[in-house]
Amino acid sequence: QLVESGGGLVQAGDSLRLSCAASGYAFSSYGMGWFRQAPGKARRFVGAITWSGDGTYYADSVKGRFTISRDNAKNTVYLQMNSLKPEDTAVYYCAAGVVDAHNRPPMDVDYWGQGTQVTVSS
């Protein structure tokens, strides 16, 4: 089970940190990632981190603004979002699976969270 938290309504330029708490599986054995889905659009890759935490990958649209990290002792993955823009508005989904830099997107998902809404006003 993956449970996201930390979403909300912020203004452009603000920061927000999403958290995803995992349970029911071997968290430290899985790569973790974040995807997002804006209204009327397909779900898109945002970022991913390998099971060990030594590799991170980002969509071009968030590179330099978002940072993904994980704490295997707490079974939690984070998404730090800085310099938010209105186009970042979406439902953000946590995901667990296999992270492979050779794939596009660089993550095959086995489990999804229920999503958390992020709204950025201009």
PDB file of N, CA and C in Angstrom:
ATOM      1  N   GLN A   1       0.841  -1.194   0.000  1.00  0.00           N
ATOM      2  CA  GLN A   1       0.000   0.000   0.000  1.00  0.00           C
ATOM      3  C   GLN A   1       0.885   1.256   0.000  1.00  0.00           C
ATOM      4  N   LEU A   2       0.500   2.204  -0.830  1.00  0.00           N
ATOM      5  CA  LEU A   2       1.229   3.468  -0.918  1.00  0.00           C
ATOM      6  C   LEU A   2       0.251   4.590  -0.590  1.00  0.00           C
ATOM      7  N   VAL A   3       0.607   5.422   0.378  1.00  0.00           N
ATOM      8  CA  VAL A   3      -0.268   6.504   0.809  1.00  0.00           C
ATOM      9  C   VAL A   3       0.477   7.828   0.703  1.00  0.00           C
ATOM     10  N   GLU A   4      -0.007   8.690  -0.202  1.00  0.00           N
ATOM     11  CA  GLU A   4       0.614  10.005  -0.397  1.00  0.00           C
ATOM     12  C   GLU A   4       0.024  11.028   0.561  1.00  0.00           C
ATOM     13  N   SER A   5       0.810  12.027   0.862  1.00  0.00           N
ATOM     14  CA  SER A   5       0.345  13.161   1.661  1.00  0.00           C
ATOM     15  C   SER A   5       1.175  14.386   1.295  1.00  0.00           C
ATOM     16  N   GLY A   6       0.683  15.556   1.704  1.00  0.00           N
ATOM     17  CA  GLY A   6       1.438  16.777   1.498  1.00  0.00           C
ATOM     18  C   GLY A   6       0.950  17.670   0.383  1.00  0.00           C
ATOM     19  N   GLY A   7      -0.052  17.219  -0.348  1.00  0.00           N
ATOM     20  CA  GLY A   7      -0.584  18.051  -1.413  1.00  0.00           C
ATOM     21  C   GLY A   7      -1.347  19.243  -0.861  1.00  0.00           C
ATOM     22  N   GLY A   8      -1.693  20.177  -1.733  1.00  0.00           N
ATOM     23  CA  GLY A   8      -2.450  21.335  -1.300  1.00  0.00           C
ATOM     24  C   GLY A   8      -2.467  22.422  -2.341  1.00  0.00           C
ATOM     25  N   LEU A   9      -2.935  23.585  -1.921  1.00  0.00           N
ATOM     26  CA  LEU A   9      -3.025  24.764  -2.782  1.00  0.00           C
ATOM     27  C   LEU A   9      -1.918  25.744  -2.406  1.00  0.00           C
ATOM     28  N   VAL A  10      -1.097  26.096  -3.385  1.00  0.00           N
ATOM     29  CA  VAL A  10      -0.003  27.041  -3.154  1.00  0.00           C
ATOM     30  C   VAL A  10       0.018  28.061  -4.286  1.00  0.00           C
ATOM     31  N   GLN A  11       0.821  29.090  -4.104  1.00  0.00           N
ATOM     32  CA  GLN A  11       0.980  30.099  -5.141  1.00  0.00           C
ATOM     33  C   GLN A  11       2.234  29.807  -5.966  1.00  0.00           C
ATOM     34  N   ALA A  12       2.240  30.341  -7.163  1.00  0.00           N
ATOM     35  CA  ALA A  12       3.396  30.181  -8.038  1.00  0.00           C
ATOM     36  C   ALA A  12       4.661  30.679  -7.323  1.00  0.00           C
ATOM     37  N   GLY A  13       5.724  29.902  -7.426  1.00  0.00           N
ATOM     38  CA  GLY A  13       6.971  30.237  -6.769  1.00  0.00           C
ATOM     39  C   GLY A  13       7.152  29.584  -5.409  1.00  0.00           C
ATOM     40  N   ASP A  14       6.075  29.074  -4.861  1.00  0.00           N
ATOM     41  CA  ASP A  14       6.143  28.416  -3.556  1.00  0.00           C
ATOM     42  C   ASP A  14       6.752  27.023  -3.666  1.00  0.00           C
ATOM     43  N   SER A  15       6.980  26.425  -2.499  1.00  0.00           N
ATOM     44  CA  SER A  15       7.496  25.064  -2.416  1.00  0.00           C
ATOM     45  C   SER A  15       6.496  24.172  -1.703  1.00  0.00           C
ATOM     46  N   LEU A  16       6.616  22.879  -1.970  1.00  0.00           N
ATOM     47  CA  LEU A  16       5.747  21.885  -1.355  1.00  0.00           C
ATOM     48  C   LEU A  16       6.520  20.575  -1.308  1.00  0.00           C
ATOM     49  N   ARG A  17       6.317  19.800  -0.252  1.00  0.00           N
ATOM     50  CA  ARG A  17       6.954  18.492  -0.183  1.00  0.00           C
ATOM     51  C   ARG A  17       5.892  17.405  -0.044  1.00  0.00           C
ATOM     52  N   LEU A  18       5.907  16.494  -0.977  1.00  0.00           N
ATOM     53  CA  LEU A  18       5.022  15.341  -0.926  1.00  0.00           C
ATOM     54  C   LEU A  18       5.743  14.183  -0.253  1.00  0.00           C
ATOM     55  N   SER A  19       4.967  13.388   0.467  1.00  0.00           N
ATOM     56  CA  SER A  19       5.483  12.181   1.088  1.00  0.00           C
ATOM     57  C   SER A  19       4.657  10.993   0.638  1.00  0.00           C
ATOM     58  N   CYS A  20       5.277   9.834   0.625  1.00  0.00           N
ATOM     59  CA  CYS A  20       4.572   8.599   0.271  1.00  0.00           C
ATOM     60  C   CYS A  20       5.049   7.520   1.229  1.00  0.00           C
ATOM     61  N   ALA A  21       4.143   7.052   2.070  1.00  0.00           N
ATOM     62  CA  ALA A  21       4.454   6.008   3.031  1.00  0.00           C
ATOM     63  C   ALA A  21       4.057   4.660   2.455  1.00  0.00           C
ATOM     64  N   ALA A  22       4.983   3.714   2.493  1.00  0.00           N
ATOM     65  CA  ALA A  22       4.755   2.394   1.911  1.00  0.00           C
ATOM     66  C   ALA A  22       4.609   1.344   2.996  1.00  0.00           C
ATOM     67  N   SER A  23       3.793   0.351   2.721  1.00  0.00           N
ATOM     68  CA  SER A  23       3.631  -0.759   3.645  1.00  0.00           C
ATOM     69  C   SER A  23       3.212  -1.989   2.856  1.00  0.00           C
ATOM     70  N   GLY A  24       3.451  -3.155   3.455  1.00  0.00           N
ATOM     71  CA  GLY A  24       2.968  -4.391   2.866  1.00  0.00           C
ATOM     72  C   GLY A  24       3.883  -5.042   1.847  1.00  0.00           C
ATOM     73  N   TYR A  25       5.055  -4.473   1.647  1.00  0.00           N
ATOM     74  CA  TYR A  25       6.012  -5.094   0.733  1.00  0.00           C
ATOM     75  C   TYR A  25       7.411  -4.638   1.134  1.00  0.00           C
ATOM     76  N   ALA A  26       8.421  -5.221   0.501  1.00  0.00           N
ATOM     77  CA  ALA A  26       9.811  -4.920   0.834  1.00  0.00           C
ATOM     78  C   ALA A  26      10.220  -3.611   0.173  1.00  0.00           C
ATOM     79  N   PHE A  27       9.924  -2.516   0.850  1.00  0.00           N
ATOM     80  CA  PHE A  27      10.143  -1.179   0.310  1.00  0.00           C
ATOM     81  C   PHE A  27      11.558  -0.980  -0.217  1.00  0.00           C
ATOM     82  N   SER A  28      12.542  -1.428   0.535  1.00  0.00           N
ATOM     83  CA  SER A  28      13.932  -1.152   0.168  1.00  0.00           C
ATOM     84  C   SER A  28      14.380  -1.928  -1.061  1.00  0.00           C
ATOM     85  N   SER A  29      13.557  -2.860  -1.533  1.00  0.00           N
ATOM     86  CA  SER A  29      13.899  -3.642  -2.714  1.00  0.00           C
ATOM     87  C   SER A  29      13.340  -3.040  -3.995  1.00  0.00           C
ATOM     88  N   TYR A  30      12.528  -2.005  -3.859  1.00  0.00           N
ATOM     89  CA  TYR A  30      11.844  -1.432  -5.013  1.00  0.00           C
ATOM     90  C   TYR A  30      12.347  -0.032  -5.333  1.00  0.00           C
ATOM     91  N   GLY A  31      12.422   0.246  -6.616  1.00  0.00           N
ATOM     92  CA  GLY A  31      12.559   1.619  -7.031  1.00  0.00           C
ATOM     93  C   GLY A  31      11.250   2.349  -6.756  1.00  0.00           C
ATOM     94  N   MET A  32      11.337   3.651  -6.555  1.00  0.00           N
ATOM     95  CA  MET A  32      10.148   4.455  -6.258  1.00  0.00           C
ATOM     96  C   MET A  32      10.091   5.643  -7.206  1.00  0.00           C
ATOM     97  N   GLY A  33       8.892   6.104  -7.439  1.00  0.00           N
ATOM     98  CA  GLY A  33       8.771   7.223  -8.360  1.00  0.00           C
ATOM     99  C   GLY A  33       7.516   8.036  -8.125  1.00  0.00           C
ATOM    100  N   TRP A  34       7.440   9.123  -8.858  1.00  0.00           N
ATOM    101  CA  TRP A  34       6.265   9.992  -8.842  1.00  0.00           C
ATOM    102  C   TRP A  34       5.818  10.248 -10.279  1.00  0.00           C
ATOM    103  N   PHE A  35       4.511  10.212 -10.472  1.00  0.00           N
ATOM    104  CA  PHE A  35       3.874  10.560 -11.725  1.00  0.00           C
ATOM    105  C   PHE A  35       2.828  11.610 -11.414  1.00  0.00           C
ATOM    106  N   ARG A  36       2.355  12.288 -12.443  1.00  0.00           N
ATOM    107  CA  ARG A  36       1.281  13.254 -12.231  1.00  0.00           C
ATOM    108  C   ARG A  36       0.319  13.241 -13.390  1.00  0.00           C
ATOM    109  N   GLN A  37      -0.921  13.630 -13.097  1.00  0.00           N
ATOM    110  CA  GLN A  37      -1.961  13.653 -14.124  1.00  0.00           C
ATOM    111  C   GLN A  37      -2.771  14.934 -13.983  1.00  0.00           C
ATOM    112  N   ALA A  38      -2.694  15.767 -14.997  1.00  0.00           N
ATOM    113  CA  ALA A  38      -3.479  16.995 -15.038  1.00  0.00           C
ATOM    114  C   ALA A  38      -4.850  16.687 -15.633  1.00  0.00           C
ATOM    115  N   PRO A  39      -5.849  17.515 -15.368  1.00  0.00           N
ATOM    116  CA  PRO A  39      -7.202  17.260 -15.889  1.00  0.00           C
ATOM    117  C   PRO A  39      -7.202  17.114 -17.404  1.00  0.00           C
ATOM    118  N   GLY A  40      -7.799  16.042 -17.889  1.00  0.00           N
ATOM    119  CA  GLY A  40      -7.916  15.815 -19.309  1.00  0.00           C
ATOM    120  C   GLY A  40      -6.648  15.346 -19.994  1.00  0.00           C
ATOM    121  N   LYS A  41      -5.631  15.043 -19.215  1.00  0.00           N
ATOM    122  CA  LYS A  41      -4.357  14.618 -19.793  1.00  0.00           C
ATOM    123  C   LYS A  41      -3.943  13.256 -19.251  1.00  0.00           C
ATOM    124  N   ALA A  42      -2.991  12.644 -19.943  1.00  0.00           N
ATOM    125  CA  ALA A  42      -2.498  11.346 -19.525  1.00  0.00           C
ATOM    126  C   ALA A  42      -1.569  11.479 -18.317  1.00  0.00           C
ATOM    127  N   ARG A  43      -1.442  10.397 -17.583  1.00  0.00           N
ATOM    128  CA  ARG A  43      -0.511  10.367 -16.472  1.00  0.00           C
ATOM    129  C   ARG A  43       0.913  10.373 -17.022  1.00  0.00           C
ATOM    130  N   ARG A  44       1.745  11.236 -16.433  1.00  0.00           N
ATOM    131  CA  ARG A  44       3.094  11.406 -16.942  1.00  0.00           C
ATOM    132  C   ARG A  44       4.135  11.239 -15.841  1.00  0.00           C
ATOM    133  N   PHE A  45       5.275  10.759 -16.246  1.00  0.00           N
ATOM    134  CA  PHE A  45       6.395  10.551 -15.348  1.00  0.00           C
ATOM    135  C   PHE A  45       6.932  11.879 -14.834  1.00  0.00           C
ATOM    136  N   VAL A  46       7.266  11.926 -13.529  1.00  0.00           N
ATOM    137  CA  VAL A  46       7.860  13.118 -12.928  1.00  0.00           C
ATOM    138  C   VAL A  46       9.292  12.841 -12.492  1.00  0.00           C
ATOM    139  N   GLY A  47       9.489  11.799 -11.690  1.00  0.00           N
ATOM    140  CA  GLY A  47      10.816  11.484 -11.204  1.00  0.00           C
ATOM    141  C   GLY A  47      10.848  10.096 -10.605  1.00  0.00           C
ATOM    142  N   ALA A  48      12.050   9.533 -10.479  1.00  0.00           N
ATOM    143  CA  ALA A  48      12.203   8.208  -9.910  1.00  0.00           C
ATOM    144  C   ALA A  48      13.545   8.103  -9.196  1.00  0.00           C
ATOM    145  N   ILE A  49      13.597   7.156  -8.265  1.00  0.00           N
ATOM    146  CA  ILE A  49      14.819   6.915  -7.509  1.00  0.00           C
ATOM    147  C   ILE A  49      15.010   5.410  -7.399  1.00  0.00           C
ATOM    148  N   THR A  50      16.255   4.958  -7.541  1.00  0.00           N
ATOM    149  CA  THR A  50      16.533   3.535  -7.465  1.00  0.00           C
ATOM    150  C   THR A  50      16.335   3.016  -6.042  1.00  0.00           C
ATOM    151  N   TRP A  51      16.299   1.683  -5.907  1.00  0.00           N
ATOM    152  CA  TRP A  51      16.059   1.091  -4.593  1.00  0.00           C
ATOM    153  C   TRP A  51      17.107   1.513  -3.583  1.00  0.00           C
ATOM    154  N   SER A  52      18.349   1.713  -4.049  1.00  0.00           N
ATOM    155  CA  SER A  52      19.434   2.081  -3.140  1.00  0.00           C
ATOM    156  C   SER A  52      19.526   3.582  -2.908  1.00  0.00           C
ATOM    157  N   GLY A  53      18.845   4.342  -3.760  1.00  0.00           N
ATOM    158  CA  GLY A  53      18.907   5.796  -3.638  1.00  0.00           C
ATOM    159  C   GLY A  53      20.066   6.438  -4.370  1.00  0.00           C
ATOM    160  N   ASP A  54      20.870   5.626  -5.078  1.00  0.00           N
ATOM    161  CA  ASP A  54      22.061   6.200  -5.704  1.00  0.00           C
ATOM    162  C   ASP A  54      21.813   6.683  -7.127  1.00  0.00           C
ATOM    163  N   GLY A  55      20.595   6.515  -7.602  1.00  0.00           N
ATOM    164  CA  GLY A  55      20.268   7.009  -8.930  1.00  0.00           C
ATOM    165  C   GLY A  55      18.925   7.708  -8.928  1.00  0.00           C
ATOM    166  N   THR A  56      18.871   8.907  -9.490  1.00  0.00           N
ATOM    167  CA  THR A  56      17.618   9.645  -9.605  1.00  0.00           C
ATOM    168  C   THR A  56      17.436  10.119 -11.037  1.00  0.00           C
ATOM    169  N   TYR A  57      16.189  10.187 -11.470  1.00  0.00           N
ATOM    170  CA  TYR A  57      15.857  10.555 -12.834  1.00  0.00           C
ATOM    171  C   TYR A  57      14.644  11.465 -12.809  1.00  0.00           C
ATOM    172  N   TYR A  58      14.628  12.445 -13.715  1.00  0.00           N
ATOM    173  CA  TYR A  58      13.565  13.437 -13.713  1.00  0.00           C
ATOM    174  C   TYR A  58      13.080  13.730 -15.119  1.00  0.00           C
ATOM    175  N   ALA A  59      11.818  14.116 -15.193  1.00  0.00           N
ATOM    176  CA  ALA A  59      11.299  14.652 -16.443  1.00  0.00           C
ATOM    177  C   ALA A  59      11.951  16.016 -16.685  1.00  0.00           C
ATOM    178  N   ASP A  60      12.135  16.366 -17.941  1.00  0.00           N
ATOM    179  CA  ASP A  60      12.769  17.638 -18.265  1.00  0.00           C
ATOM    180  C   ASP A  60      12.001  18.818 -17.679  1.00  0.00           C
ATOM    181  N   SER A  61      10.691  18.687 -17.589  1.00  0.00           N
ATOM    182  CA  SER A  61       9.854  19.802 -17.133  1.00  0.00           C
ATOM    183  C   SER A  61      10.065  20.144 -15.666  1.00  0.00           C
ATOM    184  N   VAL A  62      10.637  19.224 -14.891  1.00  0.00           N
ATOM    185  CA  VAL A  62      10.819  19.474 -13.447  1.00  0.00           C
ATOM    186  C   VAL A  62      12.284  19.471 -13.032  1.00  0.00           C
ATOM    187  N   LYS A  63      13.169  19.139 -13.955  1.00  0.00           N
ATOM    188  CA  LYS A  63      14.580  19.042 -13.636  1.00  0.00           C
ATOM    189  C   LYS A  63      15.097  20.380 -13.108  1.00  0.00           C
ATOM    190  N   GLY A  64      15.818  20.331 -11.985  1.00  0.00           N
ATOM    191  CA  GLY A  64      16.340  21.544 -11.365  1.00  0.00           C
ATOM    192  C   GLY A  64      15.393  22.172 -10.365  1.00  0.00           C
ATOM    193  N   ARG A  65      14.122  21.750 -10.373  1.00  0.00           N
ATOM    194  CA  ARG A  65      13.133  22.306  -9.427  1.00  0.00           C
ATOM    195  C   ARG A  65      12.636  21.266  -8.430  1.00  0.00           C
ATOM    196  N   PHE A  66      12.544  20.016  -8.873  1.00  0.00           N
ATOM    197  CA  PHE A  66      12.033  18.941  -8.021  1.00  0.00           C
ATOM    198  C   PHE A  66      13.185  18.013  -7.631  1.00  0.00           C
ATOM    199  N   THR A  67      13.079  17.477  -6.415  1.00  0.00           N
ATOM    200  CA  THR A  67      14.069  16.525  -5.929  1.00  0.00           C
ATOM    201  C   THR A  67      13.365  15.354  -5.269  1.00  0.00           C
ATOM    202  N   ILE A  68      13.710  14.153  -5.700  1.00  0.00           N
ATOM    203  CA  ILE A  68      13.146  12.950  -5.106  1.00  0.00           C
ATOM    204  C   ILE A  68      14.184  12.341  -4.173  1.00  0.00           C
ATOM    205  N   SER A  69      13.706  11.840  -3.036  1.00  0.00           N
ATOM    206  CA  SER A  69      14.596  11.204  -2.072  1.00  0.00           C
ATOM    207  C   SER A  69      13.821  10.104  -1.365  1.00  0.00           C
ATOM    208  N   ARG A  70      14.530   9.256  -0.646  1.00  0.00           N
ATOM    209  CA  ARG A  70      13.864   8.173   0.075  1.00  0.00           C
ATOM    210  C   ARG A  70      14.569   7.912   1.387  1.00  0.00           C
ATOM    211  N   ASP A  71      13.791   7.400   2.339  1.00  0.00           N
ATOM    212  CA  ASP A  71      14.308   6.982   3.634  1.00  0.00           C
ATOM    213  C   ASP A  71      13.866   5.540   3.829  1.00  0.00           C
ATOM    214  N   ASN A  72      14.756   4.614   3.579  1.00  0.00           N
ATOM    215  CA  ASN A  72      14.388   3.198   3.657  1.00  0.00           C
ATOM    216  C   ASN A  72      14.073   2.764   5.079  1.00  0.00           C
ATOM    217  N   ALA A  73      14.616   3.454   6.069  1.00  0.00           N
ATOM    218  CA  ALA A  73      14.303   3.125   7.461  1.00  0.00           C
ATOM    219  C   ALA A  73      12.861   3.486   7.806  1.00  0.00           C
ATOM    220  N   LYS A  74      12.308   4.474   7.102  1.00  0.00           N
ATOM    221  CA  LYS A  74      10.929   4.912   7.361  1.00  0.00           C
ATOM    222  C   LYS A  74       9.964   4.439   6.286  1.00  0.00           C
ATOM    223  N   ASN A  75      10.463   3.675   5.308  1.00  0.00           N
ATOM    224  CA  ASN A  75       9.613   3.204   4.203  1.00  0.00           C
ATOM    225  C   ASN A  75       8.879   4.365   3.537  1.00  0.00           C
ATOM    226  N   THR A  76       9.596   5.440   3.304  1.00  0.00           N
ATOM    227  CA  THR A  76       8.967   6.647   2.786  1.00  0.00           C
ATOM    228  C   THR A  76       9.809   7.248   1.664  1.00  0.00           C
ATOM    229  N   VAL A  77       9.112   7.742   0.651  1.00  0.00           N
ATOM    230  CA  VAL A  77       9.756   8.469  -0.441  1.00  0.00           C
ATOM    231  C   VAL A  77       9.172   9.878  -0.465  1.00  0.00           C
ATOM    232  N   TYR A  78       9.996  10.828  -0.844  1.00  0.00           N
ATOM    233  CA  TYR A  78       9.605  12.235  -0.821  1.00  0.00           C
ATOM    234  C   TYR A  78       9.776  12.865  -2.202  1.00  0.00           C
ATOM    235  N   LEU A  79       9.002  13.899  -2.432  1.00  0.00           N
ATOM    236  CA  LEU A  79       9.190  14.721  -3.618  1.00  0.00           C
ATOM    237  C   LEU A  79       9.192  16.177  -3.168  1.00  0.00           C
ATOM    238  N   GLN A  80      10.352  16.790  -3.158  1.00  0.00           N
ATOM    239  CA  GLN A  80      10.470  18.197  -2.828  1.00  0.00           C
ATOM    240  C   GLN A  80      10.273  19.005  -4.095  1.00  0.00           C
ATOM    241  N   MET A  81       9.296  19.886  -4.081  1.00  0.00           N
ATOM    242  CA  MET A  81       8.945  20.666  -5.264  1.00  0.00           C
ATOM    243  C   MET A  81       9.168  22.147  -4.962  1.00  0.00           C
ATOM    244  N   ASN A  82      10.082  22.743  -5.661  1.00  0.00           N
ATOM    245  CA  ASN A  82      10.402  24.163  -5.491  1.00  0.00           C
ATOM    246  C   ASN A  82      10.020  24.935  -6.751  1.00  0.00           C
ATOM    247  N   SER A  83       9.919  26.240  -6.607  1.00  0.00           N
ATOM    248  CA  SER A  83       9.611  27.121  -7.738  1.00  0.00           C
ATOM    249  C   SER A  83       8.414  26.600  -8.524  1.00  0.00           C
ATOM    250  N   LEU A  84       7.359  26.300  -7.821  1.00  0.00           N
ATOM    251  CA  LEU A  84       6.184  25.710  -8.464  1.00  0.00           C
ATOM    252  C   LEU A  84       5.554  26.668  -9.460  1.00  0.00           C
ATOM    253  N   LYS A  85       5.017  26.075 -10.525  1.00  0.00           N
ATOM    254  CA  LYS A  85       4.359  26.825 -11.592  1.00  0.00           C
ATOM    255  C   LYS A  85       2.921  26.358 -11.736  1.00  0.00           C
ATOM    256  N   PRO A  86       2.050  27.195 -12.289  1.00  0.00           N
ATOM    257  CA  PRO A  86       0.660  26.755 -12.500  1.00  0.00           C
ATOM    258  C   PRO A  86       0.571  25.459 -13.311  1.00  0.00           C
ATOM    259  N   GLU A  87       1.487  25.252 -14.243  1.00  0.00           N
ATOM    260  CA  GLU A  87       1.448  24.033 -15.052  1.00  0.00           C
ATOM    261  C   GLU A  87       1.861  22.788 -14.275  1.00  0.00           C
ATOM    262  N   ASP A  88       2.295  22.940 -13.033  1.00  0.00           N
ATOM    263  CA  ASP A  88       2.568  21.790 -12.175  1.00  0.00           C
ATOM    264  C   ASP A  88       1.282  21.273 -11.514  1.00  0.00           C
ATOM    265  N   THR A  89       0.193  21.975 -11.693  1.00  0.00           N
ATOM    266  CA  THR A  89      -1.083  21.559 -11.117  1.00  0.00           C
ATOM    267  C   THR A  89      -1.490  20.202 -11.665  1.00  0.00           C
ATOM    268  N   ALA A  90      -1.735  19.249 -10.758  1.00  0.00           N
ATOM    269  CA  ALA A  90      -2.081  17.882 -11.159  1.00  0.00           C
ATOM    270  C   ALA A  90      -2.340  17.056  -9.913  1.00  0.00           C
ATOM    271  N   VAL A  91      -2.847  15.861 -10.136  1.00  0.00           N
ATOM    272  CA  VAL A  91      -2.856  14.845  -9.091  1.00  0.00           C
ATOM    273  C   VAL A  91      -1.527  14.108  -9.184  1.00  0.00           C
ATOM    274  N   TYR A  92      -0.833  14.032  -8.073  1.00  0.00           N
ATOM    275  CA  TYR A  92       0.481  13.389  -8.027  1.00  0.00           C
ATOM    276  C   TYR A  92       0.342  11.999  -7.420  1.00  0.00           C
ATOM    277  N   TYR A  93       0.890  11.019  -8.131  1.00  0.00           N
ATOM    278  CA  TYR A  93       0.805   9.629  -7.725  1.00  0.00           C
ATOM    279  C   TYR A  93       2.179   9.078  -7.375  1.00  0.00           C
ATOM    280  N   CYS A  94       2.244   8.404  -6.262  1.00  0.00           N
ATOM    281  CA  CYS A  94       3.436   7.670  -5.869  1.00  0.00           C
ATOM    282  C   CYS A  94       3.405   6.302  -6.551  1.00  0.00           C
ATOM    283  N   ALA A  95       4.573   5.771  -6.884  1.00  0.00           N
ATOM    284  CA  ALA A  95       4.635   4.495  -7.567  1.00  0.00           C
ATOM    285  C   ALA A  95       5.831   3.691  -7.078  1.00  0.00           C
ATOM    286  N   ALA A  96       5.656   2.381  -7.094  1.00  0.00           N
ATOM    287  CA  ALA A  96       6.740   1.462  -6.748  1.00  0.00           C
ATOM    288  C   ALA A  96       6.943   0.488  -7.905  1.00  0.00           C
ATOM    289  N   GLY A  97       8.191   0.203  -8.212  1.00  0.00           N
ATOM    290  CA  GLY A  97       8.458  -0.713  -9.307  1.00  0.00           C
ATOM    291  C   GLY A  97       9.938  -0.833  -9.588  1.00  0.00           C
ATOM    292  N   VAL A  98      10.250  -0.962 -10.865  1.00  0.00           N
ATOM    293  CA  VAL A  98      11.636  -1.128 -11.303  1.00  0.00           C
ATOM    294  C   VAL A  98      12.089   0.146 -12.006  1.00  0.00           C
ATOM    295  N   VAL A  99      13.188   0.706 -11.540  1.00  0.00           N
ATOM    296  CA  VAL A  99      13.748   1.905 -12.160  1.00  0.00           C
ATOM    297  C   VAL A  99      14.900   1.474 -13.062  1.00  0.00           C
ATOM    298  N   ASP A 100      14.816   1.830 -14.335  1.00  0.00           N
ATOM    299  CA  ASP A 100      15.827   1.451 -15.303  1.00  0.00           C
ATOM    300  C   ASP A 100      16.081   2.633 -16.223  1.00  0.00           C
ATOM    301  N   ALA A 101      17.280   3.167 -16.161  1.00  0.00           N
ATOM    302  CA  ALA A 101      17.615   4.358 -16.933  1.00  0.00           C
ATOM    303  C   ALA A 101      17.541   4.123 -18.437  1.00  0.00           C
ATOM    304  N   HIS A 102      17.541   2.875 -18.888  1.00  0.00           N
ATOM    305  CA  HIS A 102      17.488   2.577 -20.316  1.00  0.00           C
ATOM    306  C   HIS A 102      16.078   2.661 -20.869  1.00  0.00           C
ATOM    307  N   ASN A 103      15.082   2.719 -20.002  1.00  0.00           N
ATOM    308  CA  ASN A 103      13.691   2.772 -20.445  1.00  0.00           C
ATOM    309  C   ASN A 103      13.189   4.209 -20.476  1.00  0.00           C
ATOM    310  N   ARG A 104      12.133   4.422 -21.251  1.00  0.00           N
ATOM    311  CA  ARG A 104      11.478   5.718 -21.307  1.00  0.00           C
ATOM    312  C   ARG A 104       9.984   5.521 -21.126  1.00  0.00           C
ATOM    313  N   PRO A 105       9.354   5.986 -20.014  1.00  0.00           N
ATOM    314  CA  PRO A 105      10.038   6.591 -18.873  1.00  0.00           C
ATOM    315  C   PRO A 105      10.883   5.559 -18.145  1.00  0.00           C
ATOM    316  N   PRO A 106      11.798   6.014 -17.287  1.00  0.00           N
ATOM    317  CA  PRO A 106      12.726   5.091 -16.660  1.00  0.00           C
ATOM    318  C   PRO A 106      12.159   4.334 -15.468  1.00  0.00           C
ATOM    319  N   MET A 107      10.895   3.952 -15.563  1.00  0.00           N
ATOM    320  CA  MET A 107      10.271   3.217 -14.475  1.00  0.00           C
ATOM    321  C   MET A 107       9.113   2.372 -14.980  1.00  0.00           C
ATOM    322  N   ASP A 108       9.141   1.089 -14.593  1.00  0.00           N
ATOM    323  CA  ASP A 108       8.004   0.184 -14.783  1.00  0.00           C
ATOM    324  C   ASP A 108       7.316   0.056 -13.434  1.00  0.00           C
ATOM    325  N   VAL A 109       6.026   0.371 -13.395  1.00  0.00           N
ATOM    326  CA  VAL A 109       5.292   0.457 -12.132  1.00  0.00           C
ATOM    327  C   VAL A 109       4.578  -0.844 -11.799  1.00  0.00           C
ATOM    328  N   ASP A 110       4.771  -1.286 -10.543  1.00  0.00           N
ATOM    329  CA  ASP A 110       4.035  -2.438 -10.033  1.00  0.00           C
ATOM    330  C   ASP A 110       2.875  -2.013  -9.130  1.00  0.00           C
ATOM    331  N   TYR A 111       3.080  -0.931  -8.361  1.00  0.00           N
ATOM    332  CA  TYR A 111       2.065  -0.480  -7.420  1.00  0.00           C
ATOM    333  C   TYR A 111       1.885   1.032  -7.548  1.00  0.00           C
ATOM    334  N   TRP A 112       0.613   1.452  -7.370  1.00  0.00           N
ATOM    335  CA  TRP A 112       0.265   2.875  -7.408  1.00  0.00           C
ATOM    336  C   TRP A 112      -0.351   3.302  -6.093  1.00  0.00           C
ATOM    337  N   GLY A 113      -0.095   4.564  -5.735  1.00  0.00           N
ATOM    338  CA  GLY A 113      -0.833   5.172  -4.642  1.00  0.00           C
ATOM    339  C   GLY A 113      -2.147   5.729  -5.150  1.00  0.00           C
ATOM    340  N   GLN A 114      -2.929   6.338  -4.236  1.00  0.00           N
ATOM    341  CA  GLN A 114      -4.254   6.839  -4.613  1.00  0.00           C
ATOM    342  C   GLN A 114      -4.199   8.262  -5.160  1.00  0.00           C
ATOM    343  N   GLY A 115      -3.075   8.942  -4.956  1.00  0.00           N
ATOM    344  CA  GLY A 115      -2.893  10.286  -5.494  1.00  0.00           C
ATOM    345  C   GLY A 115      -3.180  11.380  -4.494  1.00  0.00           C
ATOM    346  N   THR A 116      -2.514  12.508  -4.684  1.00  0.00           N
ATOM    347  CA  THR A 116      -2.745  13.695  -3.866  1.00  0.00           C
ATOM    348  C   THR A 116      -2.754  14.915  -4.785  1.00  0.00           C
ATOM    349  N   GLN A 117      -3.701  15.812  -4.551  1.00  0.00           N
ATOM    350  CA  GLN A 117      -3.876  16.962  -5.436  1.00  0.00           C
ATOM    351  C   GLN A 117      -2.889  18.072  -5.092  1.00  0.00           C
ATOM    352  N   VAL A 118      -2.249  18.590  -6.115  1.00  0.00           N
ATOM    353  CA  VAL A 118      -1.402  19.781  -5.997  1.00  0.00           C
ATOM    354  C   VAL A 118      -1.965  20.833  -6.940  1.00  0.00           C
ATOM    355  N   THR A 119      -2.286  21.990  -6.392  1.00  0.00           N
ATOM    356  CA  THR A 119      -2.819  23.085  -7.190  1.00  0.00           C
ATOM    357  C   THR A 119      -1.945  24.316  -6.989  1.00  0.00           C
ATOM    358  N   VAL A 120      -1.458  24.855  -8.094  1.00  0.00           N
ATOM    359  CA  VAL A 120      -0.595  26.031  -8.041  1.00  0.00           C
ATOM    360  C   VAL A 120      -1.320  27.191  -8.712  1.00  0.00           C
ATOM    361  N   SER A 121      -1.586  28.223  -7.944  1.00  0.00           N
ATOM    362  CA  SER A 121      -2.289  29.394  -8.488  1.00  0.00           C
ATOM    363  C   SER A 121      -1.276  30.425  -8.980  1.00  0.00           C
ATOM    364  N   SER A 122      -1.696  31.183  -9.973  1.00  0.00           N
ATOM    365  CA  SER A 122      -0.795  32.187 -10.564  1.00  0.00           C
ATOM    366  C   SER A 122      -0.919  33.532  -9.871  1.00  0.00           C
TER     367      SER A 122
END
